[in-house]
Amino acid sequence: MSTPTVTTAPVYTASATSWGGRSGKVVTSDNKLELDLSIPAEMGGDNGPGTNPEQLFASGWAACFHNALKGVARQRKLDVADSAVTLTVNLVGGMATGFDFEVTIEAQLPGVDPDVAREVLEAAHQVCPYSRATRGNIIVTLVVVSDED
């Protein structure tokens, strides 16, 4: 697998620094985000008040994916103003074999035909930077949530 090369200037750059790992804190370079981190009880931690890397990853990917979905819908002249995207990150594996993510992306597009919603979801998965960065590396399941769910 070859290393991608940057052919254009970045559109935007984000930077964050971590102190203390999973039981420390993270701060962005512009100080707009400063969060305490805690290790969940399921991982042997104290389940403290802080967030964790998996929640941050899920939040970032959900927001990015939702924006990609809205862009695809806009191109197709679909109204997705009331849409929602839920992204679930499962941490699987262990120290002996290594850890991996398994992700489920659920999208609700009220008023959009389920087949069309599936097409929009799949198209968004092709353009979202998180989806592109993880493609082929983790299991991702796409789910259209119906208006009744």
N, C-alpha and C. Protein backbone atom coordinates (compact mmCIF):
# COMPACT_ATOMS: atom_id res chain seq x y z
N MET A 1 0.84 -1.17 0.00
CA MET A 1 0.00 0.00 0.00
C MET A 1 0.88 1.24 0.00
N SER A 2 0.64 2.14 -0.93
CA SER A 2 1.48 3.32 -1.03
C SER A 2 0.98 4.42 -0.09
N THR A 3 1.88 5.30 0.25
CA THR A 3 1.54 6.42 1.11
C THR A 3 0.96 7.54 0.26
N PRO A 4 -0.20 8.08 0.66
CA PRO A 4 -0.79 9.16 -0.12
C PRO A 4 0.09 10.40 -0.06
N THR A 5 0.09 11.14 -1.13
CA THR A 5 0.84 12.39 -1.15
C THR A 5 -0.14 13.55 -1.21
N VAL A 6 0.21 14.62 -0.52
CA VAL A 6 -0.62 15.81 -0.53
C VAL A 6 -0.27 16.60 -1.77
N THR A 7 -1.28 16.88 -2.58
CA THR A 7 -1.04 17.60 -3.83
C THR A 7 -1.54 19.03 -3.77
N THR A 8 -2.28 19.38 -2.75
CA THR A 8 -2.79 20.73 -2.59
C THR A 8 -2.61 21.18 -1.15
N ALA A 9 -2.73 22.47 -0.95
CA ALA A 9 -2.63 23.01 0.40
C ALA A 9 -3.85 22.56 1.22
N PRO A 10 -3.67 22.35 2.51
CA PRO A 10 -4.79 21.95 3.35
C PRO A 10 -5.91 22.99 3.33
N VAL A 11 -7.13 22.53 3.37
CA VAL A 11 -8.29 23.41 3.50
C VAL A 11 -8.39 23.90 4.95
N TYR A 12 -8.07 23.02 5.87
CA TYR A 12 -8.14 23.33 7.30
C TYR A 12 -7.21 22.37 8.02
N THR A 13 -6.63 22.83 9.11
CA THR A 13 -5.76 21.99 9.92
C THR A 13 -6.21 22.05 11.37
N ALA A 14 -6.34 20.89 12.00
CA ALA A 14 -6.69 20.81 13.42
C ALA A 14 -5.53 20.14 14.16
N SER A 15 -5.32 20.58 15.38
CA SER A 15 -4.25 20.01 16.18
C SER A 15 -4.71 19.93 17.63
N ALA A 16 -4.40 18.81 18.28
CA ALA A 16 -4.74 18.63 19.69
C ALA A 16 -3.57 17.95 20.39
N THR A 17 -3.43 18.23 21.67
CA THR A 17 -2.37 17.64 22.47
C THR A 17 -2.99 16.88 23.63
N SER A 18 -2.43 15.72 23.92
CA SER A 18 -2.89 14.89 25.03
C SER A 18 -1.83 14.87 26.12
N TRP A 19 -2.28 14.99 27.35
CA TRP A 19 -1.42 14.79 28.51
C TRP A 19 -2.04 13.68 29.34
N GLY A 20 -1.28 12.68 29.69
CA GLY A 20 -1.76 11.62 30.57
C GLY A 20 -2.50 10.49 29.89
N GLY A 21 -2.58 10.49 28.57
CA GLY A 21 -3.25 9.40 27.86
C GLY A 21 -4.72 9.32 28.21
N ARG A 22 -5.22 8.09 28.38
CA ARG A 22 -6.64 7.87 28.62
C ARG A 22 -7.14 8.41 29.96
N SER A 23 -6.26 8.71 30.87
CA SER A 23 -6.69 9.26 32.16
C SER A 23 -6.09 10.64 32.38
N GLY A 24 -6.03 11.41 31.31
CA GLY A 24 -5.46 12.76 31.38
C GLY A 24 -6.42 13.78 30.81
N LYS A 25 -5.91 14.55 29.85
CA LYS A 25 -6.76 15.55 29.20
C LYS A 25 -6.27 15.79 27.78
N VAL A 26 -7.14 16.37 26.97
CA VAL A 26 -6.79 16.78 25.62
C VAL A 26 -7.21 18.24 25.45
N VAL A 27 -6.40 18.97 24.69
CA VAL A 27 -6.67 20.37 24.42
C VAL A 27 -6.32 20.65 22.96
N THR A 28 -7.21 21.35 22.26
CA THR A 28 -6.91 21.75 20.89
C THR A 28 -5.99 22.97 20.90
N SER A 29 -5.28 23.15 19.81
CA SER A 29 -4.30 24.24 19.73
C SER A 29 -4.95 25.62 19.86
N ASP A 30 -6.23 25.74 19.51
CA ASP A 30 -6.92 27.02 19.63
C ASP A 30 -7.68 27.14 20.97
N ASN A 31 -7.55 26.14 21.82
CA ASN A 31 -8.19 26.09 23.14
C ASN A 31 -9.72 26.09 23.10
N LYS A 32 -10.31 25.80 21.94
CA LYS A 32 -11.77 25.73 21.85
C LYS A 32 -12.32 24.44 22.47
N LEU A 33 -11.46 23.45 22.58
CA LEU A 33 -11.87 22.18 23.18
C LEU A 33 -10.82 21.78 24.20
N GLU A 34 -11.26 21.62 25.44
CA GLU A 34 -10.39 21.14 26.51
C GLU A 34 -11.20 20.16 27.32
N LEU A 35 -10.80 18.89 27.27
CA LEU A 35 -11.59 17.84 27.89
C LEU A 35 -10.74 16.97 28.81
N ASP A 36 -11.33 16.61 29.94
CA ASP A 36 -10.73 15.60 30.81
C ASP A 36 -11.07 14.23 30.24
N LEU A 37 -10.17 13.30 30.40
CA LEU A 37 -10.35 11.94 29.92
C LEU A 37 -10.40 10.98 31.10
N SER A 38 -11.24 9.97 30.97
CA SER A 38 -11.35 8.92 31.99
C SER A 38 -11.43 7.57 31.29
N ILE A 39 -10.93 6.56 31.96
CA ILE A 39 -10.99 5.21 31.42
C ILE A 39 -12.30 4.56 31.85
N PRO A 40 -13.11 4.07 30.88
CA PRO A 40 -14.38 3.41 31.24
C PRO A 40 -14.15 2.19 32.12
N ALA A 41 -15.12 1.91 32.96
CA ALA A 41 -15.04 0.74 33.84
C ALA A 41 -14.85 -0.54 33.04
N GLU A 42 -15.48 -0.62 31.84
CA GLU A 42 -15.36 -1.82 31.01
C GLU A 42 -13.92 -2.09 30.58
N MET A 43 -13.09 -1.06 30.65
CA MET A 43 -11.69 -1.20 30.28
C MET A 43 -10.78 -1.21 31.50
N GLY A 44 -11.39 -1.41 32.68
CA GLY A 44 -10.61 -1.49 33.90
C GLY A 44 -10.34 -0.15 34.56
N GLY A 45 -11.02 0.90 34.09
CA GLY A 45 -10.80 2.22 34.64
C GLY A 45 -11.75 2.57 35.76
N ASP A 46 -11.65 3.81 36.19
CA ASP A 46 -12.47 4.28 37.31
C ASP A 46 -13.81 4.86 36.86
N ASN A 47 -14.06 4.87 35.53
CA ASN A 47 -15.31 5.39 34.97
C ASN A 47 -15.56 6.82 35.44
N GLY A 48 -14.48 7.60 35.51
CA GLY A 48 -14.55 8.98 35.98
C GLY A 48 -15.41 9.86 35.09
N PRO A 49 -15.46 11.14 35.39
CA PRO A 49 -16.36 12.06 34.70
C PRO A 49 -15.92 12.45 33.29
N GLY A 50 -14.70 12.12 32.90
CA GLY A 50 -14.20 12.53 31.59
C GLY A 50 -14.70 11.66 30.45
N THR A 51 -14.47 12.14 29.25
CA THR A 51 -14.81 11.39 28.05
C THR A 51 -13.67 10.43 27.73
N ASN A 52 -13.71 9.80 26.56
CA ASN A 52 -12.64 8.88 26.17
C ASN A 52 -12.42 8.96 24.66
N PRO A 53 -11.31 8.44 24.17
CA PRO A 53 -11.02 8.55 22.74
C PRO A 53 -12.10 7.97 21.83
N GLU A 54 -12.75 6.90 22.27
CA GLU A 54 -13.79 6.31 21.42
C GLU A 54 -14.99 7.24 21.28
N GLN A 55 -15.35 7.93 22.35
CA GLN A 55 -16.45 8.89 22.28
C GLN A 55 -16.07 10.07 21.39
N LEU A 56 -14.83 10.51 21.49
CA LEU A 56 -14.38 11.61 20.65
C LEU A 56 -14.37 11.20 19.18
N PHE A 57 -13.91 9.99 18.90
CA PHE A 57 -13.88 9.47 17.53
C PHE A 57 -15.29 9.36 16.98
N ALA A 58 -16.21 8.80 17.79
CA ALA A 58 -17.61 8.66 17.36
C ALA A 58 -18.23 10.02 17.10
N SER A 59 -17.97 10.98 17.96
CA SER A 59 -18.55 12.32 17.81
C SER A 59 -18.03 13.01 16.55
N GLY A 60 -16.73 12.96 16.35
CA GLY A 60 -16.14 13.59 15.18
C GLY A 60 -16.63 12.97 13.89
N TRP A 61 -16.64 11.63 13.85
CA TRP A 61 -17.06 10.94 12.64
C TRP A 61 -18.55 11.17 12.38
N ALA A 62 -19.37 11.14 13.43
CA ALA A 62 -20.81 11.37 13.25
C ALA A 62 -21.08 12.74 12.65
N ALA A 63 -20.43 13.77 13.18
CA ALA A 63 -20.63 15.13 12.67
C ALA A 63 -20.12 15.26 11.23
N CYS A 64 -18.96 14.72 10.96
CA CYS A 64 -18.38 14.78 9.62
C CYS A 64 -19.25 14.01 8.63
N PHE A 65 -19.67 12.81 9.02
CA PHE A 65 -20.49 11.98 8.14
C PHE A 65 -21.83 12.66 7.87
N HIS A 66 -22.42 13.26 8.90
CA HIS A 66 -23.71 13.92 8.72
C HIS A 66 -23.58 15.08 7.72
N ASN A 67 -22.47 15.79 7.80
CA ASN A 67 -22.25 16.88 6.85
C ASN A 67 -22.08 16.34 5.43
N ALA A 68 -21.37 15.23 5.28
CA ALA A 68 -21.22 14.59 3.97
C ALA A 68 -22.58 14.14 3.44
N LEU A 69 -23.39 13.57 4.31
CA LEU A 69 -24.73 13.12 3.94
C LEU A 69 -25.58 14.31 3.47
N LYS A 70 -25.51 15.41 4.20
CA LYS A 70 -26.27 16.60 3.82
C LYS A 70 -25.79 17.13 2.46
N GLY A 71 -24.49 17.07 2.20
CA GLY A 71 -23.96 17.51 0.92
C GLY A 71 -24.46 16.66 -0.23
N VAL A 72 -24.45 15.34 -0.03
CA VAL A 72 -24.96 14.42 -1.06
C VAL A 72 -26.44 14.68 -1.29
N ALA A 73 -27.20 14.85 -0.21
CA ALA A 73 -28.63 15.10 -0.33
C ALA A 73 -28.90 16.41 -1.06
N ARG A 74 -28.11 17.43 -0.77
CA ARG A 74 -28.27 18.72 -1.43
C ARG A 74 -28.06 18.58 -2.95
N GLN A 75 -27.03 17.82 -3.33
CA GLN A 75 -26.78 17.58 -4.76
C GLN A 75 -27.96 16.89 -5.43
N ARG A 76 -28.66 16.04 -4.67
CA ARG A 76 -29.80 15.30 -5.21
C ARG A 76 -31.13 16.02 -4.96
N LYS A 77 -31.02 17.25 -4.44
CA LYS A 77 -32.21 18.08 -4.17
C LYS A 77 -33.19 17.40 -3.22
N LEU A 78 -32.65 16.76 -2.18
CA LEU A 78 -33.45 16.11 -1.15
C LEU A 78 -33.45 16.95 0.11
N ASP A 79 -34.59 17.02 0.76
CA ASP A 79 -34.70 17.75 2.02
C ASP A 79 -34.37 16.79 3.17
N VAL A 80 -33.24 17.03 3.82
CA VAL A 80 -32.84 16.20 4.96
C VAL A 80 -32.63 17.06 6.21
N ALA A 81 -33.40 18.15 6.27
CA ALA A 81 -33.26 19.08 7.39
C ALA A 81 -33.47 18.41 8.75
N ASP A 82 -34.33 17.39 8.78
CA ASP A 82 -34.62 16.71 10.05
C ASP A 82 -33.84 15.40 10.21
N SER A 83 -32.79 15.24 9.44
CA SER A 83 -32.02 13.99 9.48
C SER A 83 -31.17 13.92 10.75
N ALA A 84 -30.75 12.71 11.07
CA ALA A 84 -29.87 12.47 12.22
C ALA A 84 -28.93 11.32 11.86
N VAL A 85 -27.71 11.41 12.38
CA VAL A 85 -26.72 10.34 12.19
C VAL A 85 -26.21 9.93 13.57
N THR A 86 -26.28 8.63 13.85
CA THR A 86 -25.71 8.08 15.07
C THR A 86 -24.58 7.14 14.68
N LEU A 87 -23.43 7.35 15.27
CA LEU A 87 -22.27 6.52 14.97
C LEU A 87 -21.84 5.80 16.25
N THR A 88 -21.82 4.49 16.19
CA THR A 88 -21.44 3.67 17.35
C THR A 88 -20.09 3.04 17.09
N VAL A 89 -19.17 3.24 18.03
CA VAL A 89 -17.82 2.69 17.93
C VAL A 89 -17.67 1.59 18.96
N ASN A 90 -17.36 0.39 18.51
CA ASN A 90 -17.03 -0.72 19.40
C ASN A 90 -15.53 -0.94 19.35
N LEU A 91 -14.90 -0.98 20.51
CA LEU A 91 -13.49 -1.32 20.61
C LEU A 91 -13.43 -2.83 20.82
N VAL A 92 -12.76 -3.53 19.92
CA VAL A 92 -12.68 -4.99 19.99
C VAL A 92 -11.22 -5.42 19.99
N GLY A 93 -10.99 -6.66 20.40
CA GLY A 93 -9.63 -7.19 20.41
C GLY A 93 -9.02 -7.12 21.80
N GLY A 94 -7.72 -7.11 21.84
CA GLY A 94 -7.01 -7.06 23.12
C GLY A 94 -5.54 -6.82 22.91
N MET A 95 -4.81 -6.75 24.00
CA MET A 95 -3.38 -6.47 23.92
C MET A 95 -2.63 -7.53 23.13
N ALA A 96 -3.02 -8.79 23.26
CA ALA A 96 -2.30 -9.87 22.58
C ALA A 96 -2.45 -9.79 21.06
N THR A 97 -3.65 -9.43 20.60
CA THR A 97 -3.90 -9.42 19.15
C THR A 97 -3.95 -8.02 18.58
N GLY A 98 -4.05 -7.01 19.44
CA GLY A 98 -4.22 -5.64 19.00
C GLY A 98 -5.69 -5.25 19.07
N PHE A 99 -5.93 -3.97 19.19
CA PHE A 99 -7.29 -3.45 19.28
C PHE A 99 -7.73 -2.95 17.92
N ASP A 100 -9.00 -3.06 17.67
CA ASP A 100 -9.60 -2.56 16.44
C ASP A 100 -10.92 -1.90 16.77
N PHE A 101 -11.44 -1.17 15.81
CA PHE A 101 -12.77 -0.60 15.91
C PHE A 101 -13.71 -1.37 15.00
N GLU A 102 -14.95 -1.49 15.41
CA GLU A 102 -16.05 -1.89 14.55
C GLU A 102 -17.07 -0.78 14.69
N VAL A 103 -17.58 -0.28 13.57
CA VAL A 103 -18.42 0.91 13.58
C VAL A 103 -19.76 0.63 12.92
N THR A 104 -20.81 1.17 13.50
CA THR A 104 -22.13 1.17 12.88
C THR A 104 -22.55 2.62 12.69
N ILE A 105 -22.94 2.95 11.46
CA ILE A 105 -23.43 4.29 11.15
C ILE A 105 -24.91 4.17 10.83
N GLU A 106 -25.73 4.79 11.66
CA GLU A 106 -27.18 4.77 11.47
C GLU A 106 -27.62 6.17 11.04
N ALA A 107 -28.39 6.23 9.95
CA ALA A 107 -28.89 7.51 9.47
C ALA A 107 -30.40 7.46 9.37
N GLN A 108 -31.03 8.48 9.89
CA GLN A 108 -32.47 8.64 9.79
C GLN A 108 -32.73 9.85 8.89
N LEU A 109 -33.45 9.61 7.81
CA LEU A 109 -33.77 10.67 6.85
C LEU A 109 -35.29 10.72 6.67
N PRO A 110 -35.99 11.37 7.60
CA PRO A 110 -37.45 11.40 7.54
C PRO A 110 -37.95 11.93 6.20
N GLY A 111 -38.95 11.25 5.66
CA GLY A 111 -39.57 11.67 4.41
C GLY A 111 -38.84 11.25 3.15
N VAL A 112 -37.69 10.59 3.29
CA VAL A 112 -36.93 10.13 2.13
C VAL A 112 -37.19 8.64 1.94
N ASP A 113 -37.49 8.26 0.72
CA ASP A 113 -37.72 6.85 0.39
C ASP A 113 -36.54 6.02 0.91
N PRO A 114 -36.81 4.87 1.55
CA PRO A 114 -35.74 4.06 2.13
C PRO A 114 -34.65 3.66 1.12
N ASP A 115 -35.02 3.34 -0.11
CA ASP A 115 -34.02 2.98 -1.12
C ASP A 115 -33.14 4.17 -1.48
N VAL A 116 -33.75 5.33 -1.59
CA VAL A 116 -33.00 6.56 -1.88
C VAL A 116 -32.13 6.91 -0.68
N ALA A 117 -32.66 6.75 0.52
CA ALA A 117 -31.89 7.02 1.74
C ALA A 117 -30.65 6.14 1.79
N ARG A 118 -30.80 4.88 1.40
CA ARG A 118 -29.65 3.96 1.38
C ARG A 118 -28.60 4.44 0.38
N GLU A 119 -29.03 4.89 -0.79
CA GLU A 119 -28.10 5.42 -1.79
C GLU A 119 -27.35 6.64 -1.26
N VAL A 120 -28.07 7.53 -0.59
CA VAL A 120 -27.45 8.73 -0.02
C VAL A 120 -26.45 8.34 1.07
N LEU A 121 -26.82 7.38 1.90
CA LEU A 121 -25.93 6.91 2.96
C LEU A 121 -24.65 6.32 2.37
N GLU A 122 -24.78 5.50 1.36
CA GLU A 122 -23.61 4.89 0.73
C GLU A 122 -22.75 5.94 0.02
N ALA A 123 -23.38 6.93 -0.60
CA ALA A 123 -22.62 7.99 -1.28
C ALA A 123 -21.86 8.84 -0.25
N ALA A 124 -22.51 9.13 0.88
CA ALA A 124 -21.84 9.90 1.94
C ALA A 124 -20.63 9.14 2.47
N HIS A 125 -20.74 7.82 2.55
CA HIS A 125 -19.65 6.98 3.01
C HIS A 125 -18.45 7.03 2.06
N GLN A 126 -18.70 7.35 0.81
CA GLN A 126 -17.63 7.45 -0.18
C GLN A 126 -16.87 8.78 -0.08
N VAL A 127 -17.53 9.84 0.44
CA VAL A 127 -16.89 11.15 0.45
C VAL A 127 -16.46 11.64 1.84
N CYS A 128 -17.03 11.09 2.90
CA CYS A 128 -16.66 11.52 4.25
C CYS A 128 -15.19 11.20 4.53
N PRO A 129 -14.41 12.19 4.97
CA PRO A 129 -12.98 11.94 5.24
C PRO A 129 -12.72 10.83 6.26
N TYR A 130 -13.54 10.72 7.29
CA TYR A 130 -13.35 9.64 8.27
C TYR A 130 -13.58 8.28 7.59
N SER A 131 -14.63 8.19 6.79
CA SER A 131 -14.92 6.94 6.10
C SER A 131 -13.79 6.58 5.15
N ARG A 132 -13.29 7.58 4.45
CA ARG A 132 -12.20 7.33 3.50
C ARG A 132 -10.92 6.91 4.24
N ALA A 133 -10.66 7.54 5.37
CA ALA A 133 -9.43 7.24 6.12
C ALA A 133 -9.45 5.84 6.72
N THR A 134 -10.63 5.34 7.04
CA THR A 134 -10.72 4.03 7.69
C THR A 134 -11.09 2.90 6.73
N ARG A 135 -11.40 3.23 5.49
CA ARG A 135 -11.85 2.23 4.52
C ARG A 135 -10.84 1.08 4.40
N GLY A 136 -11.34 -0.12 4.55
CA GLY A 136 -10.49 -1.30 4.43
C GLY A 136 -9.75 -1.66 5.71
N ASN A 137 -9.85 -0.81 6.71
CA ASN A 137 -9.14 -1.05 7.97
C ASN A 137 -10.04 -1.55 9.08
N ILE A 138 -11.31 -1.21 9.01
CA ILE A 138 -12.25 -1.61 10.06
C ILE A 138 -13.57 -2.02 9.43
N ILE A 139 -14.36 -2.76 10.18
CA ILE A 139 -15.69 -3.15 9.73
C ILE A 139 -16.63 -1.98 9.99
N VAL A 140 -17.34 -1.55 8.93
CA VAL A 140 -18.32 -0.47 9.04
C VAL A 140 -19.64 -1.00 8.50
N THR A 141 -20.68 -0.86 9.30
CA THR A 141 -22.03 -1.26 8.90
C THR A 141 -22.88 0.00 8.74
N LEU A 142 -23.52 0.14 7.58
CA LEU A 142 -24.40 1.27 7.32
C LEU A 142 -25.84 0.85 7.50
N VAL A 143 -26.62 1.63 8.23
CA VAL A 143 -28.01 1.28 8.51
C VAL A 143 -28.90 2.50 8.28
N VAL A 144 -29.94 2.31 7.47
CA VAL A 144 -30.97 3.33 7.32
C VAL A 144 -32.02 3.05 8.39
N VAL A 145 -32.28 4.05 9.22
CA VAL A 145 -33.28 3.93 10.26
C VAL A 145 -34.57 4.52 9.71
N SER A 146 -35.64 3.74 9.81
CA SER A 146 -36.92 4.20 9.26
C SER A 146 -37.55 5.23 10.17
N ASP A 147 -38.52 5.96 9.63
CA ASP A 147 -39.22 6.96 10.42
C ASP A 147 -39.92 6.34 11.63
N GLU A 148 -40.25 5.06 11.55
CA GLU A 148 -40.97 4.39 12.64
C GLU A 148 -40.04 3.91 13.74
N ASP A 149 -38.74 3.77 13.45
CA ASP A 149 -37.79 3.25 14.45
C ASP A 149 -37.55 4.24 15.56
